[in-house]
Amino acid sequence: MSGFSRRAVLGIGVGVAAAAGMAACARAGSEDTKPQPQPRPTESPAARPIGDGSMADTGPQPHQPDRPVPLQPGETPPQFVVFSWDGAGEIGNGLFPRFLKLAKDHGAAMTFFLSGIYLLPESKRSMYHPPKNPVGASDIGYLKDENIRSTLKYVREAWLDGHEIGTHFNGHFCGGSGSVSRWSESDWQSEIDQAVSFVSNWRTNTGFTDVEPLPFDYRKELVGSRTPCLLGQTHLLPTAQRLGWRYDASSPGGLQIWPAKKSGVWDLPLQSLPFPGRSFEVLSMDYNILANQSKNTTKGPPANYPAWRSQASATYLGGFRRAYETNRAPLFIGNHFEQWNGGIYMDAAEEALKGMADNKDVRLVSFRQFTDWLDVQDPKVLARLRGLGPGQAPPGGWNAFLSAT
């Protein structure tokens, strides 16, 4: 099975109560210190090949923000926004390069959760041994060779542009006895080992000799994840902690509040956002918005597309404004490189990013960069920030509120 076809597109966020248990998945400093668009560097001739040449050590990652510093007493926190992408495969629809360009134009960094099997040819599917599923099984299929080439090209470009490459694991199993919700800690370890192997050994597995190596060591770069359908985090976290991962972005139905750690790992959930025209909130992911607009179909009536696009964009921007004007909680948005409902969710994501980018104190960052910032803050300050609920402004203003710590 090739491309992004799947036997089941699972998970529907249908309001605050349901969002906590159901989710969708498919395949620094002040404003003047935000990363600015810059030309992408060429790889150093002295790059050191790693392993079979699938990867290379090219030195520190380019286009990273200044080293983060603690908030000063009375200082207003930045407004962090993380745009993230599940699967992160390029199948010829031009969405991966489209958003790389958008990010470069606005000095943004993003997180791309790469599915490991997107670098494994379907002819080699027997190499994948998914926990509690048949050998070679995948609910998102495998990419064609030309799409693997494109994915390698844009993952490489993404890292050189300063973006983070995380993991979306492999086969994306959401239902039945083999669901990731049923996986043990050892199952997750096996899945992670295989995902890392597929990324680290794509040259051997594909036989490609005319494709440049990924310019990083994935075994060192990988510090965070998002699970399929936002399931299975409980048993993943102990494994993630042992591996030294710094965050996980798999919790469904989080609120727009400042995050805390679970099992020693930063828990960075998708969040419930105001859903314009409805009495409930919706999870901050394109598919959850779709599920409340066109139910389980990704091709609803085209006549509805303009209104749905406006609603999706207003959801993201409404969540942004609620945080930006009150508790400054980070905003986490999840998307897929898909043309669902005529591509309106891609248009909405672009419109939202543009609407956020030029505001004062806004930082469009990756999850890794946000975690860097969290790790240097005073725990007492973070605890005080966590005391502010969604849409709750600091009593007496930021100067008074954070001076008290």
Protein backbone atom coordinates (compact mmCIF):
# COMPACT_ATOMS: atom_id res chain seq x y z
CA MET A 1 0.00 0.00 0.00
CA SER A 2 1.55 3.29 -1.10
CA GLY A 3 0.94 6.93 -0.32
CA PHE A 4 -1.06 8.18 2.63
CA SER A 5 -4.05 5.89 2.29
CA ARG A 6 -5.12 4.31 5.55
CA ARG A 7 -7.60 1.75 6.73
CA ALA A 8 -8.77 4.01 9.51
CA VAL A 9 -8.56 7.75 10.03
CA LEU A 10 -9.27 7.83 13.71
CA GLY A 11 -10.14 10.14 16.53
CA ILE A 12 -12.63 12.95 16.70
CA GLY A 13 -12.43 15.90 19.07
CA VAL A 14 -16.04 16.97 19.63
CA GLY A 15 -15.97 19.49 22.41
CA VAL A 16 -14.25 19.94 25.76
CA ALA A 17 -15.41 16.77 27.44
CA ALA A 18 -14.82 14.48 24.49
CA ALA A 19 -11.51 16.07 23.54
CA ALA A 20 -9.85 14.75 26.69
CA GLY A 21 -10.30 11.17 25.54
CA MET A 22 -10.53 11.40 21.75
CA ALA A 23 -8.04 12.93 19.35
CA ALA A 24 -7.20 13.10 15.70
CA CYS A 25 -4.09 11.97 13.95
CA ALA A 26 -3.34 10.81 10.43
CA ARG A 27 -0.45 10.03 8.87
CA ALA A 28 13.93 33.87 21.69
CA GLY A 29 13.98 36.75 23.89
CA SER A 30 12.02 39.83 23.00
CA GLU A 31 10.69 40.54 19.55
CA ASP A 32 14.01 41.88 18.33
CA THR A 33 15.74 38.54 19.07
CA LYS A 34 13.42 36.38 16.99
CA PRO A 35 15.28 34.38 14.31
CA GLN A 36 15.25 36.32 11.05
CA PRO A 37 14.96 34.78 7.58
CA GLN A 38 18.42 33.97 6.28
CA PRO A 39 19.85 32.14 3.30
CA ARG A 40 20.21 28.43 3.95
CA PRO A 41 23.87 27.43 4.32
CA THR A 42 25.46 24.81 2.15
CA GLU A 43 26.85 21.73 3.80
CA SER A 44 30.47 21.91 4.80
CA PRO A 45 32.81 19.88 2.57
CA ALA A 46 34.27 18.54 5.83
CA ALA A 47 30.99 16.93 6.87
CA ARG A 48 31.71 13.58 8.51
CA PRO A 49 29.62 10.66 7.22
CA ILE A 50 27.82 8.63 9.86
CA GLY A 51 27.21 4.90 9.47
CA ASP A 52 26.29 4.00 5.89
CA GLY A 53 26.27 7.65 4.85
CA SER A 54 22.56 8.19 5.47
CA MET A 55 23.54 10.92 7.92
CA ALA A 56 26.48 13.28 8.36
CA ASP A 57 27.90 15.38 11.15
CA THR A 58 27.77 18.95 9.82
CA GLY A 59 28.26 20.74 13.13
CA PRO A 60 25.79 22.77 15.19
CA GLN A 61 22.34 23.29 13.71
CA PRO A 62 22.02 26.63 11.90
CA HIS A 63 19.43 29.32 12.59
CA GLN A 64 18.89 28.73 16.28
CA PRO A 65 17.72 31.49 18.64
CA ASP A 66 20.00 33.04 21.21
CA ARG A 67 20.66 31.02 24.34
CA PRO A 68 17.52 31.36 26.49
CA VAL A 69 17.65 33.25 29.77
CA PRO A 70 15.36 33.26 32.81
CA LEU A 71 12.51 35.73 33.01
CA GLN A 72 13.45 38.75 35.10
CA PRO A 73 11.24 39.86 38.01
CA GLY A 74 8.16 41.59 36.61
CA GLU A 75 8.97 40.71 32.99
CA THR A 76 6.11 39.81 30.66
CA PRO A 77 6.53 36.26 29.32
CA PRO A 78 6.91 35.81 25.57
CA GLN A 79 4.01 34.35 23.63
CA PHE A 80 5.29 31.03 22.31
CA VAL A 81 3.56 29.33 19.37
CA VAL A 82 4.54 25.90 18.06
CA PHE A 83 3.33 24.70 14.67
CA SER A 84 3.95 20.96 14.33
CA TRP A 85 3.41 18.42 11.57
CA ASP A 86 2.55 14.74 12.02
CA GLY A 87 4.09 12.24 9.60
CA ALA A 88 6.07 14.91 7.74
CA GLY A 89 6.16 13.07 4.42
CA GLU A 90 6.14 14.80 1.04
CA ILE A 91 3.90 12.96 -1.44
CA GLY A 92 4.04 15.40 -4.32
CA ASN A 93 1.39 17.86 -3.18
CA GLY A 94 3.98 20.53 -2.43
CA LEU A 95 2.88 21.11 1.15
CA PHE A 96 6.20 20.40 2.86
CA PRO A 97 8.12 22.99 0.78
CA ARG A 98 5.19 25.41 0.98
CA PHE A 99 5.43 25.58 4.76
CA LEU A 100 9.22 25.62 4.78
CA LYS A 101 9.01 28.76 2.67
CA LEU A 102 6.31 30.26 4.88
CA ALA A 103 8.42 29.63 7.96
CA LYS A 104 11.50 31.18 6.35
CA ASP A 105 9.54 34.25 5.29
CA HIS A 106 8.41 34.86 8.87
CA GLY A 107 11.47 33.77 10.85
CA ALA A 108 9.60 30.78 12.29
CA ALA A 109 10.80 27.41 13.49
CA MET A 110 8.54 24.35 13.51
CA THR A 111 8.61 20.71 14.60
CA PHE A 112 8.28 17.94 12.02
CA PHE A 113 7.31 14.59 13.55
CA LEU A 114 8.73 12.21 10.96
CA SER A 115 7.21 8.75 10.55
CA GLY A 116 10.16 6.38 10.28
CA ILE A 117 8.59 4.08 7.70
CA TYR A 118 8.29 7.03 5.31
CA LEU A 119 11.99 6.39 4.60
CA LEU A 120 11.52 2.64 4.18
CA PRO A 121 10.62 1.34 0.70
CA GLU A 122 7.51 -0.81 0.51
CA SER A 123 9.66 -3.56 -1.01
CA LYS A 124 11.48 -3.70 2.35
CA ARG A 125 8.35 -3.65 4.51
CA SER A 126 9.27 -7.03 6.03
CA MET A 127 12.01 -5.18 7.94
CA TYR A 128 9.32 -3.56 10.08
CA HIS A 129 8.14 -5.62 13.02
CA PRO A 130 5.40 -3.51 14.60
CA PRO A 131 4.49 -4.45 18.18
CA LYS A 132 1.29 -6.48 18.42
CA ASN A 133 0.77 -6.33 14.63
CA PRO A 134 1.81 -8.49 11.67
CA VAL A 135 5.25 -8.01 10.15
CA GLY A 136 5.20 -5.20 7.59
CA ALA A 137 1.77 -3.91 8.64
CA SER A 138 1.08 -0.17 8.53
CA ASP A 139 -2.15 1.76 8.81
CA ILE A 140 -0.63 4.61 6.80
CA GLY A 141 1.02 2.56 4.09
CA TYR A 142 4.46 3.19 2.62
CA LEU A 143 5.71 5.92 0.30
CA LYS A 144 6.69 5.45 -3.31
CA ASP A 145 10.40 5.74 -4.01
CA GLU A 146 10.06 9.20 -5.55
CA ASN A 147 8.20 10.37 -2.46
CA ILE A 148 10.92 8.99 -0.19
CA ARG A 149 13.41 11.05 -2.20
CA SER A 150 11.30 14.17 -1.78
CA THR A 151 10.83 13.53 1.93
CA LEU A 152 14.59 13.18 2.39
CA LYS A 153 15.14 16.42 0.49
CA TYR A 154 12.75 18.43 2.63
CA VAL A 155 13.68 16.87 5.97
CA ARG A 156 17.26 17.84 5.15
CA GLU A 157 16.19 21.36 4.19
CA ALA A 158 14.05 21.67 7.30
CA TRP A 159 16.94 20.92 9.64
CA LEU A 160 19.27 23.30 7.82
CA ASP A 161 16.58 25.99 8.14
CA GLY A 162 16.56 25.50 11.93
CA HIS A 163 13.49 23.28 12.36
CA GLU A 164 13.25 20.28 14.66
CA ILE A 165 12.89 16.68 13.46
CA GLY A 166 10.95 14.64 16.03
CA THR A 167 9.22 11.29 15.61
CA HIS A 168 5.69 10.12 14.86
CA PHE A 169 6.95 6.54 15.21
CA ASN A 170 6.01 4.14 12.38
CA GLY A 171 2.83 2.26 11.51
CA HIS A 172 0.23 4.49 13.16
CA PHE A 173 -1.95 1.83 14.76
CA CYS A 174 -4.94 3.35 16.52
CA GLY A 175 -7.55 0.61 16.78
CA GLY A 176 -7.98 -3.06 17.60
CA SER A 177 -5.79 -5.37 19.61
CA GLY A 178 -2.62 -3.88 18.11
CA SER A 179 -3.45 -0.29 18.99
CA VAL A 180 -0.64 1.79 20.44
CA SER A 181 -2.96 2.35 23.40
CA ARG A 182 -2.20 -1.27 24.36
CA TRP A 183 1.56 -1.13 23.93
CA SER A 184 3.91 -1.80 26.82
CA GLU A 185 7.10 0.06 27.63
CA SER A 186 9.10 -2.60 25.79
CA ASP A 187 6.78 -2.29 22.78
CA TRP A 188 7.49 1.43 22.63
CA GLN A 189 11.22 0.79 22.90
CA SER A 190 11.04 -1.57 19.93
CA GLU A 191 9.01 0.91 17.89
CA ILE A 192 11.44 3.74 18.67
CA ASP A 193 14.50 1.61 17.86
CA GLN A 194 12.98 0.75 14.49
CA ALA A 195 11.98 4.34 13.69
CA VAL A 196 15.50 5.54 14.44
CA SER A 197 16.98 2.70 12.38
CA PHE A 198 14.84 3.49 9.33
CA VAL A 199 15.93 7.14 9.44
CA SER A 200 19.56 6.32 10.17
CA ASN A 201 19.93 3.65 7.47
CA TRP A 202 17.78 4.88 4.61
CA ARG A 203 20.69 4.68 2.16
CA THR A 204 21.16 0.95 2.72
CA ASN A 205 17.42 0.28 2.71
CA THR A 206 16.65 2.33 -0.42
CA GLY A 207 19.83 1.79 -2.38
CA PHE A 208 19.84 5.51 -3.31
CA THR A 209 23.35 6.70 -4.12
CA ASP A 210 22.47 10.11 -5.60
CA VAL A 211 20.76 11.64 -2.55
CA GLU A 212 22.62 13.79 -0.04
CA PRO A 213 22.82 12.58 3.56
CA LEU A 214 20.68 14.02 6.29
CA PRO A 215 22.93 16.70 7.84
CA PHE A 216 22.52 15.52 11.44
CA ASP A 217 22.76 12.47 13.67
CA TYR A 218 19.13 11.54 14.31
CA ARG A 219 20.10 9.43 17.30
CA LYS A 220 21.28 12.62 19.01
CA GLU A 221 18.75 15.05 17.55
CA LEU A 222 15.65 13.10 18.56
CA VAL A 223 14.31 14.48 21.85
CA GLY A 224 10.51 14.37 21.50
CA SER A 225 7.48 12.79 19.91
CA ARG A 226 3.79 12.69 19.18
CA THR A 227 2.05 9.31 19.29
CA PRO A 228 -0.47 8.10 16.70
CA CYS A 229 -3.96 9.41 17.47
CA LEU A 230 -2.57 10.85 20.72
CA LEU A 231 -2.79 7.39 22.32
CA GLY A 232 -0.44 5.41 24.55
CA GLN A 233 1.44 8.16 26.35
CA THR A 234 1.26 6.48 29.76
CA HIS A 235 3.55 3.60 28.78
CA LEU A 236 5.62 5.70 26.39
CA LEU A 237 6.81 8.20 28.99
CA PRO A 238 8.97 5.86 31.11
CA THR A 239 10.72 4.75 27.92
CA ALA A 240 11.09 8.36 26.76
CA GLN A 241 12.60 9.29 30.11
CA ARG A 242 15.13 6.45 29.95
CA LEU A 243 16.13 7.60 26.47
CA GLY A 244 16.70 11.13 27.74
CA TRP A 245 13.87 12.64 25.71
CA ARG A 246 12.88 16.07 26.90
CA TYR A 247 9.20 16.33 25.96
CA ASP A 248 6.20 14.53 24.55
CA ALA A 249 3.37 16.20 22.63
CA SER A 250 0.83 13.37 22.75
CA SER A 251 -1.65 14.42 25.42
CA PRO A 252 -5.15 15.13 24.06
CA GLY A 253 -7.47 17.77 25.37
CA GLY A 254 -4.97 19.95 27.19
CA LEU A 255 -5.93 23.44 28.28
CA GLN A 256 -4.29 26.73 27.37
CA ILE A 257 -2.18 26.84 30.51
CA TRP A 258 1.55 26.67 31.16
CA PRO A 259 2.87 23.08 31.00
CA ALA A 260 4.29 20.75 33.63
CA LYS A 261 6.31 17.54 33.54
CA LYS A 262 5.05 13.96 33.58
CA SER A 263 7.50 11.22 34.52
CA GLY A 264 10.33 13.73 34.21
CA VAL A 265 9.36 14.70 30.64
CA TRP A 266 7.70 17.97 29.63
CA ASP A 267 4.06 17.29 28.73
CA LEU A 268 3.17 19.57 25.83
CA PRO A 269 -0.42 18.69 24.84
CA LEU A 270 -2.66 19.76 22.04
CA GLN A 271 -5.11 22.20 23.56
CA SER A 272 -8.81 22.95 23.62
CA LEU A 273 -9.48 26.22 21.75
CA PRO A 274 -12.64 28.32 21.35
CA PHE A 275 -14.57 27.03 18.32
CA PRO A 276 -16.33 29.97 16.64
CA GLY A 277 -20.07 29.53 16.29
CA ARG A 278 -20.18 26.51 18.59
CA SER A 279 -20.82 26.13 22.31
CA PHE A 280 -17.81 23.86 22.89
CA GLU A 281 -14.06 23.98 22.33
CA VAL A 282 -12.09 21.94 19.82
CA LEU A 283 -8.62 20.38 19.93
CA SER A 284 -5.89 22.44 18.27
CA MET A 285 -5.37 20.07 15.34
CA ASP A 286 -6.59 20.23 11.77
CA TYR A 287 -8.27 16.83 11.80
CA ASN A 288 -10.26 17.58 14.94
CA ILE A 289 -11.59 20.73 13.32
CA LEU A 290 -12.42 18.71 10.22
CA ALA A 291 -14.23 16.10 12.31
CA ASN A 292 -16.54 18.77 13.67
CA GLN A 293 -17.16 20.19 10.21
CA SER A 294 -17.43 17.24 7.85
CA LYS A 295 -17.59 14.35 10.37
CA ASN A 296 -15.59 11.32 9.15
CA THR A 297 -15.18 12.39 5.55
CA THR A 298 -12.20 14.35 4.27
CA LYS A 299 -14.19 15.48 1.22
CA GLY A 300 -17.24 17.39 2.38
CA PRO A 301 -19.45 19.59 0.18
CA PRO A 302 -17.20 22.13 -1.62
CA ALA A 303 -19.81 24.83 -1.06
CA ASN A 304 -18.93 24.67 2.65
CA TYR A 305 -15.19 25.12 2.17
CA PRO A 306 -14.99 28.93 2.45
CA ALA A 307 -16.94 29.01 5.72
CA TRP A 308 -15.02 26.05 7.13
CA ARG A 309 -11.71 27.61 6.22
CA SER A 310 -12.68 30.84 7.99
CA GLN A 311 -13.81 28.87 11.03
CA ALA A 312 -10.54 26.92 11.17
CA SER A 313 -8.42 30.06 10.87
CA ALA A 314 -10.56 31.84 13.48
CA THR A 315 -10.07 28.88 15.84
CA TYR A 316 -6.30 29.16 15.71
CA LEU A 317 -6.29 32.95 15.90
CA GLY A 318 -8.90 32.97 18.66
CA GLY A 319 -6.79 30.62 20.75
CA PHE A 320 -3.77 32.77 20.08
CA ARG A 321 -5.51 35.97 21.15
CA ARG A 322 -6.93 34.38 24.29
CA ALA A 323 -3.44 33.45 25.44
CA TYR A 324 -1.62 36.51 24.11
CA GLU A 325 -3.96 38.94 25.84
CA THR A 326 -4.15 37.06 29.15
CA ASN A 327 -1.96 34.31 30.62
CA ARG A 328 0.55 34.07 27.73
CA ALA A 329 0.30 30.26 27.82
CA PRO A 330 2.10 28.65 24.85
CA LEU A 331 -0.08 27.68 21.90
CA PHE A 332 0.48 24.26 20.33
CA ILE A 333 -0.99 23.54 16.88
CA GLY A 334 -0.87 20.15 15.13
CA ASN A 335 -1.32 19.64 11.39
CA HIS A 336 -0.83 17.14 8.57
CA PHE A 337 0.42 17.65 5.02
CA GLU A 338 -3.00 16.78 3.62
CA GLN A 339 -5.48 18.38 1.20
CA TRP A 340 -8.55 17.52 3.27
CA ASN A 341 -11.67 19.42 2.24
CA GLY A 342 -9.87 21.05 -0.63
CA GLY A 343 -6.82 22.03 1.40
CA ILE A 344 -8.66 24.54 3.56
CA TYR A 345 -6.79 23.54 6.72
CA MET A 346 -3.46 24.26 5.07
CA ASP A 347 -4.75 27.67 4.06
CA ALA A 348 -6.06 28.26 7.59
CA ALA A 349 -2.70 27.33 9.12
CA GLU A 350 -0.90 29.73 6.80
CA GLU A 351 -3.34 32.54 7.50
CA ALA A 352 -3.05 31.95 11.24
CA LEU A 353 0.75 31.96 11.23
CA LYS A 354 0.80 35.21 9.29
CA GLY A 355 -1.67 36.72 11.74
CA MET A 356 0.51 35.79 14.71
CA ALA A 357 4.00 36.43 13.41
CA ASP A 358 4.21 40.21 13.57
CA ASN A 359 2.83 40.72 17.07
CA LYS A 360 5.19 41.97 19.76
CA ASP A 361 6.83 39.34 21.99
CA VAL A 362 5.68 36.43 19.79
CA ARG A 363 8.11 33.58 19.24
CA LEU A 364 7.30 30.98 16.59
CA VAL A 365 9.48 28.12 17.77
CA SER A 366 9.91 24.35 17.71
CA PHE A 367 9.02 22.17 20.68
CA ARG A 368 12.71 21.65 21.31
CA GLN A 369 13.39 25.38 21.41
CA PHE A 370 10.46 25.94 23.74
CA THR A 371 11.76 23.18 26.01
CA ASP A 372 15.15 24.90 26.04
CA TRP A 373 13.41 28.01 27.38
CA LEU A 374 11.43 26.10 29.99
CA ASP A 375 14.54 24.39 31.30
CA VAL A 376 16.27 27.65 32.29
CA GLN A 377 13.31 29.20 34.08
CA ASP A 378 12.95 29.44 37.86
CA PRO A 379 10.61 26.59 38.92
CA LYS A 380 8.82 29.02 41.23
CA VAL A 381 8.09 31.33 38.30
CA LEU A 382 6.76 28.46 36.20
CA ALA A 383 4.59 27.30 39.08
CA ARG A 384 3.13 30.78 39.39
CA LEU A 385 2.45 30.89 35.66
CA ARG A 386 0.70 27.52 35.86
CA GLY A 387 -1.70 29.03 38.37
CA LEU A 388 -3.28 31.14 35.64
CA GLY A 389 -6.23 29.42 33.96
CA PRO A 390 -7.20 29.69 30.28
CA GLY A 391 -8.01 33.29 29.47
CA GLN A 392 -7.00 34.49 32.96
CA ALA A 393 -4.90 37.63 32.98
CA PRO A 394 -2.32 38.06 35.77
CA PRO A 395 -3.92 39.97 38.65
CA GLY A 396 -2.44 43.44 38.83
CA GLY A 397 -0.54 43.00 35.56
CA TRP A 398 2.66 41.15 34.76
CA ASN A 399 4.97 43.46 36.67
CA ALA A 400 3.13 42.93 39.91
CA PHE A 401 2.32 39.27 39.30
CA LEU A 402 5.85 38.08 38.58
CA SER A 403 7.58 40.50 40.89
CA ALA A 404 5.95 38.56 43.71
CA THR A 405 8.13 35.53 42.98
